Amino acid sequence: MLIVVPYYVYILRCDDDSYYTGFSEDLPLRMKLHWEGKGARYTRMHKPKKLVYVERFDSRSDAMNREKQVKKLNHHQKYLLITSHIKT
């Protein structure tokens, strides 16, 4: 039986209203590290406020490629991505 390990691309909104984009195999652990100030350098300097977006992938390479795409977006484009996926 083939076990697929999911990977996640996520966006955090920080206290200064900037966005941080990352990817992880273990999203709960990664969020814990960000909240505790032990995550990425960016989130140590810009305290994360809220997880605002998540995409799931079945391969590491797909997640890494998507992370690169999202990181190239400007602030407004990330906002549009986030708000286009909010269910009302």
C-alpha atoms as a PDB file:
ATOM      1  CA  MET A   1       0.000   0.000   0.000  1.00  0.00           C
ATOM      2  CA  LEU A   2       1.309   3.443  -0.991  1.00  0.00           C
ATOM      3  CA  ILE A   3       1.147   6.050   1.752  1.00  0.00           C
ATOM      4  CA  VAL A   4       0.980   9.632   0.490  1.00  0.00           C
ATOM      5  CA  VAL A   5       2.472  12.152   2.872  1.00  0.00           C
ATOM      6  CA  PRO A   6       0.741  15.505   2.441  1.00  0.00           C
ATOM      7  CA  TYR A   7       2.634  18.771   2.160  1.00  0.00           C
ATOM      8  CA  TYR A   8       1.142  22.166   2.810  1.00  0.00           C
ATOM      9  CA  VAL A   9       1.732  25.663   1.499  1.00  0.00           C
ATOM     10  CA  TYR A  10       0.462  28.258   3.924  1.00  0.00           C
ATOM     11  CA  ILE A  11       0.243  31.996   4.433  1.00  0.00           C
ATOM     12  CA  LEU A  12       0.441  33.705   7.805  1.00  0.00           C
ATOM     13  CA  ARG A  13      -0.698  37.260   8.414  1.00  0.00           C
ATOM     14  CA  CYS A  14       1.707  39.027  10.729  1.00  0.00           C
ATOM     15  CA  ASP A  15       1.133  41.788  13.293  1.00  0.00           C
ATOM     16  CA  ASP A  16       2.326  44.432  10.831  1.00  0.00           C
ATOM     17  CA  ASP A  17      -0.191  43.092   8.230  1.00  0.00           C
ATOM     18  CA  SER A  18       2.585  41.604   6.110  1.00  0.00           C
ATOM     19  CA  TYR A  19       2.288  38.026   4.859  1.00  0.00           C
ATOM     20  CA  TYR A  20       4.668  35.127   5.349  1.00  0.00           C
ATOM     21  CA  THR A  21       4.467  32.172   2.952  1.00  0.00           C
ATOM     22  CA  GLY A  22       5.949  28.783   3.741  1.00  0.00           C
ATOM     23  CA  PHE A  23       5.531  25.062   3.227  1.00  0.00           C
ATOM     24  CA  SER A  24       5.637  22.120   5.585  1.00  0.00           C
ATOM     25  CA  GLU A  25       5.016  18.410   5.890  1.00  0.00           C
ATOM     26  CA  ASP A  26       3.814  18.830   9.481  1.00  0.00           C
ATOM     27  CA  LEU A  27       1.624  21.926   9.546  1.00  0.00           C
ATOM     28  CA  PRO A  28       0.617  21.790  13.247  1.00  0.00           C
ATOM     29  CA  LEU A  29       4.254  21.523  14.340  1.00  0.00           C
ATOM     30  CA  ARG A  30       5.332  24.287  11.972  1.00  0.00           C
ATOM     31  CA  MET A  31       2.601  26.588  13.282  1.00  0.00           C
ATOM     32  CA  LYS A  32       3.677  25.846  16.861  1.00  0.00           C
ATOM     33  CA  LEU A  33       7.243  26.834  15.988  1.00  0.00           C
ATOM     34  CA  HIS A  34       6.069  30.084  14.369  1.00  0.00           C
ATOM     35  CA  TRP A  35       3.857  30.986  17.365  1.00  0.00           C
ATOM     36  CA  GLU A  36       6.709  30.281  19.781  1.00  0.00           C
ATOM     37  CA  GLY A  37       9.161  32.461  17.826  1.00  0.00           C
ATOM     38  CA  LYS A  38      11.200  29.447  16.741  1.00  0.00           C
ATOM     39  CA  GLY A  39      10.097  29.368  13.106  1.00  0.00           C
ATOM     40  CA  ALA A  40      11.499  31.292  10.182  1.00  0.00           C
ATOM     41  CA  ARG A  41      13.625  34.377  10.718  1.00  0.00           C
ATOM     42  CA  TYR A  42      10.895  36.505   9.128  1.00  0.00           C
ATOM     43  CA  THR A  43       8.265  35.382  11.648  1.00  0.00           C
ATOM     44  CA  ARG A  44      10.678  35.921  14.514  1.00  0.00           C
ATOM     45  CA  MET A  45      10.909  39.565  13.411  1.00  0.00           C
ATOM     46  CA  HIS A  46       7.268  39.952  12.300  1.00  0.00           C
ATOM     47  CA  LYS A  47       5.113  38.155  14.861  1.00  0.00           C
ATOM     48  CA  PRO A  48       2.509  35.945  13.181  1.00  0.00           C
ATOM     49  CA  LYS A  49      -1.080  36.830  14.002  1.00  0.00           C
ATOM     50  CA  LYS A  50      -3.178  34.315  12.087  1.00  0.00           C
ATOM     51  CA  LEU A  51      -2.991  31.412   9.650  1.00  0.00           C
ATOM     52  CA  VAL A  52      -5.008  32.758   6.712  1.00  0.00           C
ATOM     53  CA  TYR A  53      -4.455  30.290   3.861  1.00  0.00           C
ATOM     54  CA  VAL A  54      -3.536  26.639   3.316  1.00  0.00           C
ATOM     55  CA  GLU A  55      -3.179  24.466   0.215  1.00  0.00           C
ATOM     56  CA  ARG A  56      -2.513  20.699   0.381  1.00  0.00           C
ATOM     57  CA  PHE A  57      -0.245  18.806  -2.019  1.00  0.00           C
ATOM     58  CA  ASP A  58       0.639  15.151  -2.444  1.00  0.00           C
ATOM     59  CA  SER A  59       4.281  15.793  -3.337  1.00  0.00           C
ATOM     60  CA  ARG A  60       7.084  17.866  -1.877  1.00  0.00           C
ATOM     61  CA  SER A  61       8.076  19.201  -5.299  1.00  0.00           C
ATOM     62  CA  ASP A  62       4.526  20.394  -6.058  1.00  0.00           C
ATOM     63  CA  ALA A  63       4.377  22.172  -2.691  1.00  0.00           C
ATOM     64  CA  MET A  64       7.790  23.781  -3.191  1.00  0.00           C
ATOM     65  CA  ASN A  65       6.849  24.972  -6.677  1.00  0.00           C
ATOM     66  CA  ARG A  66       3.588  26.439  -5.406  1.00  0.00           C
ATOM     67  CA  GLU A  67       5.388  28.150  -2.520  1.00  0.00           C
ATOM     68  CA  LYS A  68       7.730  29.809  -5.028  1.00  0.00           C
ATOM     69  CA  GLN A  69       4.738  30.982  -7.086  1.00  0.00           C
ATOM     70  CA  VAL A  70       2.964  32.454  -4.066  1.00  0.00           C
ATOM     71  CA  LYS A  71       6.112  34.162  -2.770  1.00  0.00           C
ATOM     72  CA  LYS A  72       6.375  36.019  -6.097  1.00  0.00           C
ATOM     73  CA  LEU A  73       2.931  37.572  -5.595  1.00  0.00           C
ATOM     74  CA  ASN A  74       2.732  41.082  -4.241  1.00  0.00           C
ATOM     75  CA  HIS A  75       0.794  41.921  -1.082  1.00  0.00           C
ATOM     76  CA  HIS A  76      -2.443  42.708  -2.907  1.00  0.00           C
ATOM     77  CA  GLN A  77      -2.257  39.544  -5.023  1.00  0.00           C
ATOM     78  CA  LYS A  78      -1.774  37.452  -1.874  1.00  0.00           C
ATOM     79  CA  TYR A  79      -4.765  39.200  -0.315  1.00  0.00           C
ATOM     80  CA  LEU A  80      -6.864  38.322  -3.379  1.00  0.00           C
ATOM     81  CA  LEU A  81      -5.695  34.693  -3.222  1.00  0.00           C
ATOM     82  CA  ILE A  82      -6.612  34.489   0.457  1.00  0.00           C
ATOM     83  CA  THR A  83     -10.009  36.143   0.111  1.00  0.00           C
ATOM     84  CA  SER A  84     -10.942  34.126  -2.976  1.00  0.00           C
ATOM     85  CA  HIS A  85     -10.754  30.946  -0.871  1.00  0.00           C
ATOM     86  CA  ILE A  86     -12.736  32.144   2.154  1.00  0.00           C
ATOM     87  CA  LYS A  87     -16.046  30.354   2.391  1.00  0.00           C
ATOM     88  CA  THR A  88     -18.956  32.550   3.435  1.00  0.00           C
END
